[in-house]
Amino acid sequence: MPTPLPPFDLDLLRTFAAIADSGGFTRAAERIGLTQSTVSLQIRKLEEGLGHAVFARRGSGRSSTITLTPKGEVLLACARKVLHLCDEARSRIMEPEVDGPVRLGTPEDFATFHLSDVLARFARAHPRVALDVTCDFTVNLLDGFSKGQYDLVLFKREPQGRRNDGGSASGTGVWRERLVWAASPRLMLAQDEPVPLVLAPAPDVYRKRALAALDACGKPWRIVLTSPSLAGLQAAVTAGLGVTVLPREMVPAGLITLTQAAYALPTLPDAEIALYCAGGLTRAADLLAEHIVQSLEAQSAGSPREA
């Protein structure tokens, strides 16, 4: 007898992803408009069809918690991709053709490493939409957004748990950046000398992080080169001029991540990429915002996780 296929019904996958995102069956039921008993039945059906548990349950009643099992982690990454592809297909087939310009502002490094494929897929799905993308520093992007220069803007900020601005009113968090110190293997970095830094000009978020972290631990530093260009910064670091700060996944070939213990460098706090949407968006801008959020969620789910 052939082995039956797993029950990859889209409704089951959507319920599963909603539970993983919201952290509980009750909150997921409220989010997707189902009863808690229906949500429980769907997950039971999913687990029975897979022959594996996707959630580990601890405790009971209000004190109970759930976490993804190793099999559940694998399924979640795949489920996000499947659901995103289905949503994209529905948009391309069922949505009326949209057109018009959409003005997007984004940090250069984030656009270079994470947005190229995201924007290309959107352009293929909506060929009549004209994307006007501007790369700049966060402070300039936010200033332009406040002046009505952008429909959407991606910007760097403190993660929600570290901010004191009142929380989620300041945009939608779409990406978490694990920051590291990066340098060329040819750089000779002595622990008793000031750290030579290659940074973007103030008020760059990474520059602020680097200087604050070094000052907090009493580590002396000196800035050897400042450049507003990502390519310029990486060229200087590759040449061995100094150390810079980069998101862990953006450290290019030819550079190495410096461990804190080996070089007496402080741990850098995470940064977050968030999305602002202007009021009264056109349908094209609204679709791009949804596409960016869903695509980055799928990328994040497929990225290696911290132990």
C-alpha atoms as a PDB file:
ATOM      1  CA  MET A   1       0.000   0.000   0.000  1.00  0.00           C
ATOM      2  CA  PRO A   2       1.360   3.467  -0.847  1.00  0.00           C
ATOM      3  CA  THR A   3       2.159   5.756   2.094  1.00  0.00           C
ATOM      4  CA  PRO A   4      -0.611   8.372   2.498  1.00  0.00           C
ATOM      5  CA  LEU A   5       0.416  11.953   1.861  1.00  0.00           C
ATOM      6  CA  PRO A   6       0.566  14.339   4.858  1.00  0.00           C
ATOM      7  CA  PRO A   7      -2.555  16.509   5.371  1.00  0.00           C
ATOM      8  CA  PHE A   8      -1.139  19.744   4.024  1.00  0.00           C
ATOM      9  CA  ASP A   9      -4.535  21.392   3.835  1.00  0.00           C
ATOM     10  CA  LEU A  10      -4.087  25.164   3.623  1.00  0.00           C
ATOM     11  CA  ASP A  11      -6.573  25.785   6.437  1.00  0.00           C
ATOM     12  CA  LEU A  12      -4.575  23.498   8.727  1.00  0.00           C
ATOM     13  CA  LEU A  13      -1.332  25.224   7.809  1.00  0.00           C
ATOM     14  CA  ARG A  14      -2.840  28.685   8.380  1.00  0.00           C
ATOM     15  CA  THR A  15      -4.110  27.629  11.797  1.00  0.00           C
ATOM     16  CA  PHE A  16      -0.738  26.102  12.656  1.00  0.00           C
ATOM     17  CA  ALA A  17       1.128  29.291  11.632  1.00  0.00           C
ATOM     18  CA  ALA A  18      -1.350  31.468  13.546  1.00  0.00           C
ATOM     19  CA  ILE A  19      -0.719  29.490  16.744  1.00  0.00           C
ATOM     20  CA  ALA A  20       3.046  29.731  16.283  1.00  0.00           C
ATOM     21  CA  ASP A  21       2.816  33.494  15.704  1.00  0.00           C
ATOM     22  CA  SER A  22       0.402  34.284  18.530  1.00  0.00           C
ATOM     23  CA  GLY A  23       1.857  31.873  21.079  1.00  0.00           C
ATOM     24  CA  GLY A  24      -1.348  30.086  22.018  1.00  0.00           C
ATOM     25  CA  PHE A  25      -4.493  28.329  20.843  1.00  0.00           C
ATOM     26  CA  THR A  26      -6.895  30.896  22.325  1.00  0.00           C
ATOM     27  CA  ARG A  27      -5.174  33.917  20.787  1.00  0.00           C
ATOM     28  CA  ALA A  28      -4.867  32.129  17.452  1.00  0.00           C
ATOM     29  CA  ALA A  29      -8.591  31.290  17.476  1.00  0.00           C
ATOM     30  CA  GLU A  30      -9.435  34.963  18.033  1.00  0.00           C
ATOM     31  CA  ARG A  31      -7.041  36.016  15.305  1.00  0.00           C
ATOM     32  CA  ILE A  32      -8.422  33.729  12.586  1.00  0.00           C
ATOM     33  CA  GLY A  33     -12.081  33.797  13.675  1.00  0.00           C
ATOM     34  CA  LEU A  34     -12.496  30.185  14.808  1.00  0.00           C
ATOM     35  CA  THR A  35     -13.470  28.599  18.096  1.00  0.00           C
ATOM     36  CA  GLN A  36     -10.722  27.204  20.279  1.00  0.00           C
ATOM     37  CA  SER A  37     -12.167  23.705  19.957  1.00  0.00           C
ATOM     38  CA  THR A  38     -11.982  23.948  16.158  1.00  0.00           C
ATOM     39  CA  VAL A  39      -8.372  25.100  16.347  1.00  0.00           C
ATOM     40  CA  SER A  40      -7.521  22.177  18.633  1.00  0.00           C
ATOM     41  CA  LEU A  41      -9.219  19.711  16.296  1.00  0.00           C
ATOM     42  CA  GLN A  42      -7.317  21.076  13.297  1.00  0.00           C
ATOM     43  CA  ILE A  43      -3.955  20.705  15.042  1.00  0.00           C
ATOM     44  CA  ARG A  44      -4.872  17.206  16.189  1.00  0.00           C
ATOM     45  CA  LYS A  45      -5.707  16.314  12.575  1.00  0.00           C
ATOM     46  CA  LEU A  46      -2.436  17.820  11.388  1.00  0.00           C
ATOM     47  CA  GLU A  47      -0.368  15.944  13.958  1.00  0.00           C
ATOM     48  CA  GLU A  48      -2.160  12.654  13.339  1.00  0.00           C
ATOM     49  CA  GLY A  49      -1.596  12.945   9.602  1.00  0.00           C
ATOM     50  CA  LEU A  50       2.080  13.774  10.047  1.00  0.00           C
ATOM     51  CA  GLY A  51       2.632  11.156  12.701  1.00  0.00           C
ATOM     52  CA  HIS A  52       4.535  13.743  14.769  1.00  0.00           C
ATOM     53  CA  ALA A  53       3.661  16.390  17.345  1.00  0.00           C
ATOM     54  CA  VAL A  54       4.210  19.947  16.145  1.00  0.00           C
ATOM     55  CA  PHE A  55       3.723  21.590  19.544  1.00  0.00           C
ATOM     56  CA  ALA A  56       5.071  20.661  22.964  1.00  0.00           C
ATOM     57  CA  ARG A  57       2.605  21.507  25.722  1.00  0.00           C
ATOM     58  CA  ARG A  58       3.709  22.288  29.271  1.00  0.00           C
ATOM     59  CA  GLY A  59       1.457  22.774  32.276  1.00  0.00           C
ATOM     60  CA  SER A  60      -2.315  23.084  32.252  1.00  0.00           C
ATOM     61  CA  GLY A  61      -4.996  25.734  32.408  1.00  0.00           C
ATOM     62  CA  ARG A  62      -4.004  29.383  32.251  1.00  0.00           C
ATOM     63  CA  SER A  63      -0.413  28.607  33.214  1.00  0.00           C
ATOM     64  CA  SER A  64       0.109  26.257  30.270  1.00  0.00           C
ATOM     65  CA  THR A  65       2.581  27.132  27.529  1.00  0.00           C
ATOM     66  CA  ILE A  66       3.325  25.737  24.080  1.00  0.00           C
ATOM     67  CA  THR A  67       6.518  25.616  22.070  1.00  0.00           C
ATOM     68  CA  LEU A  68       7.341  24.241  18.657  1.00  0.00           C
ATOM     69  CA  THR A  69       8.865  20.787  18.540  1.00  0.00           C
ATOM     70  CA  PRO A  70      11.850  20.219  16.216  1.00  0.00           C
ATOM     71  CA  LYS A  71       9.405  18.790  13.634  1.00  0.00           C
ATOM     72  CA  GLY A  72       7.198  21.816  14.179  1.00  0.00           C
ATOM     73  CA  GLU A  73      10.130  24.162  13.468  1.00  0.00           C
ATOM     74  CA  VAL A  74      10.693  22.433  10.134  1.00  0.00           C
ATOM     75  CA  LEU A  75       7.000  22.555   9.277  1.00  0.00           C
ATOM     76  CA  LEU A  76       6.660  26.250  10.172  1.00  0.00           C
ATOM     77  CA  ALA A  77       9.437  27.309   7.796  1.00  0.00           C
ATOM     78  CA  CYS A  78       7.831  25.335   4.971  1.00  0.00           C
ATOM     79  CA  ALA A  79       4.285  26.401   5.855  1.00  0.00           C
ATOM     80  CA  ARG A  80       5.189  30.096   5.641  1.00  0.00           C
ATOM     81  CA  LYS A  81       6.619  29.602   2.161  1.00  0.00           C
ATOM     82  CA  VAL A  82       3.575  27.618   0.990  1.00  0.00           C
ATOM     83  CA  LEU A  83       1.101  30.147   2.383  1.00  0.00           C
ATOM     84  CA  HIS A  84       3.019  33.052   0.901  1.00  0.00           C
ATOM     85  CA  LEU A  85       3.068  31.436  -2.542  1.00  0.00           C
ATOM     86  CA  CYS A  86      -0.678  30.750  -2.329  1.00  0.00           C
ATOM     87  CA  ASP A  87      -1.385  34.343  -1.317  1.00  0.00           C
ATOM     88  CA  GLU A  88       0.766  35.578  -4.188  1.00  0.00           C
ATOM     89  CA  ALA A  89      -1.053  33.325  -6.658  1.00  0.00           C
ATOM     90  CA  ARG A  90      -4.429  34.514  -5.387  1.00  0.00           C
ATOM     91  CA  SER A  91      -3.295  38.124  -5.712  1.00  0.00           C
ATOM     92  CA  ARG A  92      -2.115  37.634  -9.281  1.00  0.00           C
ATOM     93  CA  ILE A  93      -5.213  35.724 -10.395  1.00  0.00           C
ATOM     94  CA  MET A  94      -8.080  37.219  -8.425  1.00  0.00           C
ATOM     95  CA  GLU A  95      -7.024  40.794  -7.639  1.00  0.00           C
ATOM     96  CA  PRO A  96      -7.907  43.449 -10.214  1.00  0.00           C
ATOM     97  CA  GLU A  97      -4.824  44.735 -11.998  1.00  0.00           C
ATOM     98  CA  VAL A  98      -3.266  47.576 -10.011  1.00  0.00           C
ATOM     99  CA  ASP A  99      -1.086  50.337 -11.325  1.00  0.00           C
ATOM    100  CA  GLY A 100       0.507  53.600 -10.340  1.00  0.00           C
ATOM    101  CA  PRO A 101       3.679  54.603  -8.492  1.00  0.00           C
ATOM    102  CA  VAL A 102       4.712  53.424  -5.024  1.00  0.00           C
ATOM    103  CA  ARG A 103       7.431  55.349  -3.184  1.00  0.00           C
ATOM    104  CA  LEU A 104       9.520  53.155  -0.875  1.00  0.00           C
ATOM    105  CA  GLY A 105      12.359  54.287   1.352  1.00  0.00           C
ATOM    106  CA  THR A 106      14.810  51.751   2.806  1.00  0.00           C
ATOM    107  CA  PRO A 107      18.293  51.519   4.319  1.00  0.00           C
ATOM    108  CA  GLU A 108      20.852  50.676   1.631  1.00  0.00           C
ATOM    109  CA  ASP A 109      22.329  47.608   3.322  1.00  0.00           C
ATOM    110  CA  PHE A 110      18.921  46.060   4.022  1.00  0.00           C
ATOM    111  CA  ALA A 111      17.785  46.693   0.456  1.00  0.00           C
ATOM    112  CA  THR A 112      20.958  45.152  -0.953  1.00  0.00           C
ATOM    113  CA  PHE A 113      20.784  41.926   1.042  1.00  0.00           C
ATOM    114  CA  HIS A 114      17.078  41.319   1.610  1.00  0.00           C
ATOM    115  CA  LEU A 115      14.828  43.280  -0.753  1.00  0.00           C
ATOM    116  CA  SER A 116      16.098  42.529  -4.259  1.00  0.00           C
ATOM    117  CA  ASP A 117      14.196  39.264  -4.672  1.00  0.00           C
ATOM    118  CA  VAL A 118      11.206  40.552  -2.681  1.00  0.00           C
ATOM    119  CA  LEU A 119      10.749  43.556  -4.978  1.00  0.00           C
ATOM    120  CA  ALA A 120      11.439  41.498  -8.106  1.00  0.00           C
ATOM    121  CA  ARG A 121       8.620  39.074  -7.249  1.00  0.00           C
ATOM    122  CA  PHE A 122       6.249  41.964  -6.599  1.00  0.00           C
ATOM    123  CA  ALA A 123       7.168  43.596  -9.904  1.00  0.00           C
ATOM    124  CA  ARG A 124       6.478  40.348 -11.774  1.00  0.00           C
ATOM    125  CA  ALA A 125       3.109  39.980 -10.054  1.00  0.00           C
ATOM    126  CA  HIS A 126       2.142  43.630 -10.668  1.00  0.00           C
ATOM    127  CA  PRO A 127       3.960  44.804 -13.808  1.00  0.00           C
ATOM    128  CA  ARG A 128       1.946  48.031 -14.058  1.00  0.00           C
ATOM    129  CA  VAL A 129       3.121  49.299 -10.663  1.00  0.00           C
ATOM    130  CA  ALA A 130       6.102  51.685 -10.857  1.00  0.00           C
ATOM    131  CA  LEU A 131       8.413  51.185  -7.858  1.00  0.00           C
ATOM    132  CA  ASP A 132      10.352  54.286  -6.809  1.00  0.00           C
ATOM    133  CA  VAL A 133      12.914  53.041  -4.260  1.00  0.00           C
ATOM    134  CA  THR A 134      15.199  55.408  -2.330  1.00  0.00           C
ATOM    135  CA  CYS A 135      18.075  54.179  -0.149  1.00  0.00           C
ATOM    136  CA  ASP A 136      19.188  56.419   2.710  1.00  0.00           C
ATOM    137  CA  PHE A 137      19.979  56.552   6.418  1.00  0.00           C
ATOM    138  CA  THR A 138      17.153  55.954   8.868  1.00  0.00           C
ATOM    139  CA  VAL A 139      17.101  59.534  10.165  1.00  0.00           C
ATOM    140  CA  ASN A 140      16.732  60.871   6.606  1.00  0.00           C
ATOM    141  CA  LEU A 141      14.099  58.272   5.719  1.00  0.00           C
ATOM    142  CA  LEU A 142      11.974  59.164   8.729  1.00  0.00           C
ATOM    143  CA  ASP A 143      12.333  62.874   8.014  1.00  0.00           C
ATOM    144  CA  GLY A 144      11.224  62.303   4.418  1.00  0.00           C
ATOM    145  CA  PHE A 145       8.315  60.148   5.566  1.00  0.00           C
ATOM    146  CA  SER A 146       7.123  62.895   7.917  1.00  0.00           C
ATOM    147  CA  LYS A 147       7.167  65.296   4.950  1.00  0.00           C
ATOM    148  CA  GLY A 148       5.072  62.948   2.769  1.00  0.00           C
ATOM    149  CA  GLN A 149       7.905  61.894   0.475  1.00  0.00           C
ATOM    150  CA  TYR A 150       7.276  58.142   0.898  1.00  0.00           C
ATOM    151  CA  ASP A 151       4.275  55.833   0.896  1.00  0.00           C
ATOM    152  CA  LEU A 152       6.232  53.146   2.771  1.00  0.00           C
ATOM    153  CA  VAL A 153       9.490  53.342   4.638  1.00  0.00           C
ATOM    154  CA  LEU A 154      11.655  50.637   6.197  1.00  0.00           C
ATOM    155  CA  PHE A 155      13.860  51.935   8.995  1.00  0.00           C
ATOM    156  CA  LYS A 156      16.148  50.758  11.780  1.00  0.00           C
ATOM    157  CA  ARG A 157      15.111  51.070  15.413  1.00  0.00           C
ATOM    158  CA  GLU A 158      15.432  49.543  18.878  1.00  0.00           C
ATOM    159  CA  PRO A 159      13.593  46.212  19.218  1.00  0.00           C
ATOM    160  CA  GLN A 160      10.213  46.540  20.923  1.00  0.00           C
ATOM    161  CA  GLY A 161      11.423  45.153  24.239  1.00  0.00           C
ATOM    162  CA  ARG A 162      14.189  47.792  24.455  1.00  0.00           C
ATOM    163  CA  ARG A 163      12.223  50.864  23.354  1.00  0.00           C
ATOM    164  CA  ASN A 164      10.712  53.423  25.678  1.00  0.00           C
ATOM    165  CA  ASP A 165       8.476  55.065  23.054  1.00  0.00           C
ATOM    166  CA  GLY A 166       5.268  53.332  24.045  1.00  0.00           C
ATOM    167  CA  GLY A 167       5.627  50.184  21.926  1.00  0.00           C
ATOM    168  CA  SER A 168       3.954  49.019  18.781  1.00  0.00           C
ATOM    169  CA  ALA A 169       2.544  52.369  17.610  1.00  0.00           C
ATOM    170  CA  SER A 170       5.871  53.068  15.925  1.00  0.00           C
ATOM    171  CA  GLY A 171       5.445  50.854  12.903  1.00  0.00           C
ATOM    172  CA  THR A 172       5.447  47.118  12.297  1.00  0.00           C
ATOM    173  CA  GLY A 173       8.583  45.137  13.128  1.00  0.00           C
ATOM    174  CA  VAL A 174       9.526  43.015  10.100  1.00  0.00           C
ATOM    175  CA  TRP A 175      13.111  41.878  10.723  1.00  0.00           C
ATOM    176  CA  ARG A 176      15.474  41.320  13.639  1.00  0.00           C
ATOM    177  CA  GLU A 177      19.153  42.142  13.100  1.00  0.00           C
ATOM    178  CA  ARG A 178      21.833  40.332  15.124  1.00  0.00           C
ATOM    179  CA  LEU A 179      24.735  42.776  15.088  1.00  0.00           C
ATOM    180  CA  VAL A 180      28.383  41.653  15.145  1.00  0.00           C
ATOM    181  CA  TRP A 181      31.843  43.153  14.897  1.00  0.00           C
ATOM    182  CA  ALA A 182      33.407  42.418  11.503  1.00  0.00           C
ATOM    183  CA  ALA A 183      36.942  42.873  10.193  1.00  0.00           C
ATOM    184  CA  SER A 184      39.472  41.570   7.694  1.00  0.00           C
ATOM    185  CA  PRO A 185      41.599  38.583   8.750  1.00  0.00           C
ATOM    186  CA  ARG A 186      44.634  40.731   7.943  1.00  0.00           C
ATOM    187  CA  LEU A 187      43.763  43.287  10.663  1.00  0.00           C
ATOM    188  CA  MET A 188      46.046  43.008  13.699  1.00  0.00           C
ATOM    189  CA  LEU A 189      43.856  44.045  16.632  1.00  0.00           C
ATOM    190  CA  ALA A 190      45.695  44.455  19.937  1.00  0.00           C
ATOM    191  CA  GLN A 191      43.540  44.250  23.058  1.00  0.00           C
ATOM    192  CA  ASP A 192      45.367  47.116  24.804  1.00  0.00           C
ATOM    193  CA  GLU A 193      45.013  49.591  21.921  1.00  0.00           C
ATOM    194  CA  PRO A 194      41.999  51.691  20.877  1.00  0.00           C
ATOM    195  CA  VAL A 195      39.701  49.821  18.513  1.00  0.00           C
ATOM    196  CA  PRO A 196      40.060  51.257  14.973  1.00  0.00           C
ATOM    197  CA  LEU A 197      36.538  51.830  13.654  1.00  0.00           C
ATOM    198  CA  VAL A 198      35.197  52.125  10.116  1.00  0.00           C
ATOM    199  CA  LEU A 199      31.687  53.561  10.364  1.00  0.00           C
ATOM    200  CA  ALA A 200      28.975  55.481   8.577  1.00  0.00           C
ATOM    201  CA  PRO A 201      28.550  59.129   9.596  1.00  0.00           C
ATOM    202  CA  ALA A 202      26.311  60.184  12.484  1.00  0.00           C
ATOM    203  CA  PRO A 203      23.456  59.646  13.206  1.00  0.00           C
ATOM    204  CA  ASP A 204      23.785  56.101  11.763  1.00  0.00           C
ATOM    205  CA  VAL A 205      22.223  53.465  14.050  1.00  0.00           C
ATOM    206  CA  TYR A 206      25.197  51.067  13.841  1.00  0.00           C
ATOM    207  CA  ARG A 207      27.648  53.875  14.603  1.00  0.00           C
ATOM    208  CA  LYS A 208      25.617  54.767  17.678  1.00  0.00           C
ATOM    209  CA  ARG A 209      25.538  51.105  18.766  1.00  0.00           C
ATOM    210  CA  ALA A 210      29.285  50.651  18.347  1.00  0.00           C
ATOM    211  CA  LEU A 211      30.319  53.771  20.261  1.00  0.00           C
ATOM    212  CA  ALA A 212      27.786  53.270  23.066  1.00  0.00           C
ATOM    213  CA  ALA A 213      28.806  49.627  23.571  1.00  0.00           C
ATOM    214  CA  LEU A 214      32.521  50.464  23.667  1.00  0.00           C
ATOM    215  CA  ASP A 215      32.006  53.422  26.016  1.00  0.00           C
ATOM    216  CA  ALA A 216      29.832  51.329  28.337  1.00  0.00           C
ATOM    217  CA  CYS A 217      32.620  48.786  28.895  1.00  0.00           C
ATOM    218  CA  GLY A 218      35.421  51.356  28.985  1.00  0.00           C
ATOM    219  CA  LYS A 219      37.037  50.125  25.781  1.00  0.00           C
ATOM    220  CA  PRO A 220      38.975  52.927  24.004  1.00  0.00           C
ATOM    221  CA  TRP A 221      38.286  53.527  20.313  1.00  0.00           C
ATOM    222  CA  ARG A 222      39.249  55.744  17.402  1.00  0.00           C
ATOM    223  CA  ILE A 223      37.477  56.322  14.092  1.00  0.00           C
ATOM    224  CA  VAL A 224      39.869  55.755  11.206  1.00  0.00           C
ATOM    225  CA  LEU A 225      37.407  56.157   8.323  1.00  0.00           C
ATOM    226  CA  THR A 226      33.878  57.458   7.833  1.00  0.00           C
ATOM    227  CA  SER A 227      31.870  56.788   4.665  1.00  0.00           C
ATOM    228  CA  PRO A 228      28.177  57.144   3.781  1.00  0.00           C
ATOM    229  CA  SER A 229      28.519  54.289   1.267  1.00  0.00           C
ATOM    230  CA  LEU A 230      28.076  50.622   2.200  1.00  0.00           C
ATOM    231  CA  ALA A 231      30.497  49.663  -0.576  1.00  0.00           C
ATOM    232  CA  GLY A 232      33.013  52.216   0.719  1.00  0.00           C
ATOM    233  CA  LEU A 233      32.793  50.895   4.267  1.00  0.00           C
ATOM    234  CA  GLN A 234      33.237  47.281   3.195  1.00  0.00           C
ATOM    235  CA  ALA A 235      36.171  48.155   0.935  1.00  0.00           C
ATOM    236  CA  ALA A 236      37.937  49.914   3.798  1.00  0.00           C
ATOM    237  CA  VAL A 237      37.322  47.021   6.196  1.00  0.00           C
ATOM    238  CA  THR A 238      38.438  44.466   3.582  1.00  0.00           C
ATOM    239  CA  ALA A 239      41.677  46.438   3.189  1.00  0.00           C
ATOM    240  CA  GLY A 240      42.321  45.972   6.905  1.00  0.00           C
ATOM    241  CA  LEU A 241      41.813  49.568   8.021  1.00  0.00           C
ATOM    242  CA  GLY A 242      39.559  48.755  10.946  1.00  0.00           C
ATOM    243  CA  VAL A 243      36.497  47.136  12.473  1.00  0.00           C
ATOM    244  CA  THR A 244      32.870  47.796  11.545  1.00  0.00           C
ATOM    245  CA  VAL A 245      29.403  46.700  12.702  1.00  0.00           C
ATOM    246  CA  LEU A 246      27.202  44.579  10.445  1.00  0.00           C
ATOM    247  CA  PRO A 247      24.172  42.333  10.785  1.00  0.00           C
ATOM    248  CA  ARG A 248      25.467  38.790  11.182  1.00  0.00           C
ATOM    249  CA  GLU A 249      23.934  37.545   7.923  1.00  0.00           C
ATOM    250  CA  MET A 250      25.424  40.479   5.986  1.00  0.00           C
ATOM    251  CA  VAL A 251      29.086  39.781   6.762  1.00  0.00           C
ATOM    252  CA  PRO A 252      30.491  39.265   3.236  1.00  0.00           C
ATOM    253  CA  ALA A 253      33.033  36.716   2.101  1.00  0.00           C
ATOM    254  CA  GLY A 254      36.517  37.942   2.912  1.00  0.00           C
ATOM    255  CA  LEU A 255      35.555  39.368   6.304  1.00  0.00           C
ATOM    256  CA  ILE A 256      35.354  37.564   9.626  1.00  0.00           C
ATOM    257  CA  THR A 257      33.184  37.969  12.704  1.00  0.00           C
ATOM    258  CA  LEU A 258      35.228  38.952  15.739  1.00  0.00           C
ATOM    259  CA  THR A 259      34.331  37.038  18.893  1.00  0.00           C
ATOM    260  CA  GLN A 260      33.869  39.190  21.985  1.00  0.00           C
ATOM    261  CA  ALA A 261      36.008  36.973  24.201  1.00  0.00           C
ATOM    262  CA  ALA A 262      39.015  36.829  21.879  1.00  0.00           C
ATOM    263  CA  TYR A 263      39.178  40.586  21.267  1.00  0.00           C
ATOM    264  CA  ALA A 264      37.626  41.946  24.481  1.00  0.00           C
ATOM    265  CA  LEU A 265      34.803  43.517  22.481  1.00  0.00           C
ATOM    266  CA  PRO A 266      31.379  44.132  24.028  1.00  0.00           C
ATOM    267  CA  THR A 267      28.241  42.329  22.895  1.00  0.00           C
ATOM    268  CA  LEU A 268      26.162  44.476  20.558  1.00  0.00           C
ATOM    269  CA  PRO A 269      22.400  44.683  21.191  1.00  0.00           C
ATOM    270  CA  ASP A 270      20.064  43.664  18.377  1.00  0.00           C
ATOM    271  CA  ALA A 271      18.516  46.145  15.993  1.00  0.00           C
ATOM    272  CA  GLU A 272      15.134  45.871  14.289  1.00  0.00           C
ATOM    273  CA  ILE A 273      13.835  46.802  10.864  1.00  0.00           C
ATOM    274  CA  ALA A 274      10.324  48.247  11.000  1.00  0.00           C
ATOM    275  CA  LEU A 275       7.824  49.359   8.383  1.00  0.00           C
ATOM    276  CA  TYR A 276       5.888  52.632   8.373  1.00  0.00           C
ATOM    277  CA  CYS A 277       2.854  53.015   6.095  1.00  0.00           C
ATOM    278  CA  ALA A 278       1.444  56.415   5.222  1.00  0.00           C
ATOM    279  CA  GLY A 279      -2.255  57.080   5.643  1.00  0.00           C
ATOM    280  CA  GLY A 280      -4.599  56.679   2.678  1.00  0.00           C
ATOM    281  CA  LEU A 281      -2.404  54.255   0.755  1.00  0.00           C
ATOM    282  CA  THR A 282      -3.258  53.345  -2.808  1.00  0.00           C
ATOM    283  CA  ARG A 283      -4.115  49.708  -3.472  1.00  0.00           C
ATOM    284  CA  ALA A 284      -0.692  49.249  -5.078  1.00  0.00           C
ATOM    285  CA  ALA A 285       1.122  50.573  -1.985  1.00  0.00           C
ATOM    286  CA  ASP A 286      -1.072  48.495   0.316  1.00  0.00           C
ATOM    287  CA  LEU A 287      -0.266  45.340  -1.675  1.00  0.00           C
ATOM    288  CA  LEU A 288       3.460  46.116  -1.550  1.00  0.00           C
ATOM    289  CA  ALA A 289       3.313  46.554   2.239  1.00  0.00           C
ATOM    290  CA  GLU A 290       1.584  43.172   2.613  1.00  0.00           C
ATOM    291  CA  HIS A 291       4.079  41.553   0.242  1.00  0.00           C
ATOM    292  CA  ILE A 292       7.095  42.927   2.141  1.00  0.00           C
ATOM    293  CA  VAL A 293       5.801  41.770   5.537  1.00  0.00           C
ATOM    294  CA  GLN A 294       4.879  38.284   4.297  1.00  0.00           C
ATOM    295  CA  SER A 295       8.117  37.839   2.351  1.00  0.00           C
ATOM    296  CA  LEU A 296      10.329  38.880   5.253  1.00  0.00           C
ATOM    297  CA  GLU A 297       8.383  36.621   7.614  1.00  0.00           C
ATOM    298  CA  ALA A 298       9.076  33.731   5.246  1.00  0.00           C
ATOM    299  CA  GLN A 299      12.777  34.673   5.026  1.00  0.00           C
ATOM    300  CA  SER A 300      13.030  34.927   8.797  1.00  0.00           C
ATOM    301  CA  ALA A 301      11.355  31.556   9.286  1.00  0.00           C
ATOM    302  CA  GLY A 302      13.849  29.958   6.939  1.00  0.00           C
ATOM    303  CA  SER A 303      16.918  31.572   8.568  1.00  0.00           C
ATOM    304  CA  PRO A 304      19.051  29.674  11.071  1.00  0.00           C
ATOM    305  CA  ARG A 305      17.801  30.234  14.607  1.00  0.00           C
ATOM    306  CA  GLU A 306      19.777  31.057  17.718  1.00  0.00           C
ATOM    307  CA  ALA A 307      20.437  28.133  20.030  1.00  0.00           C
END
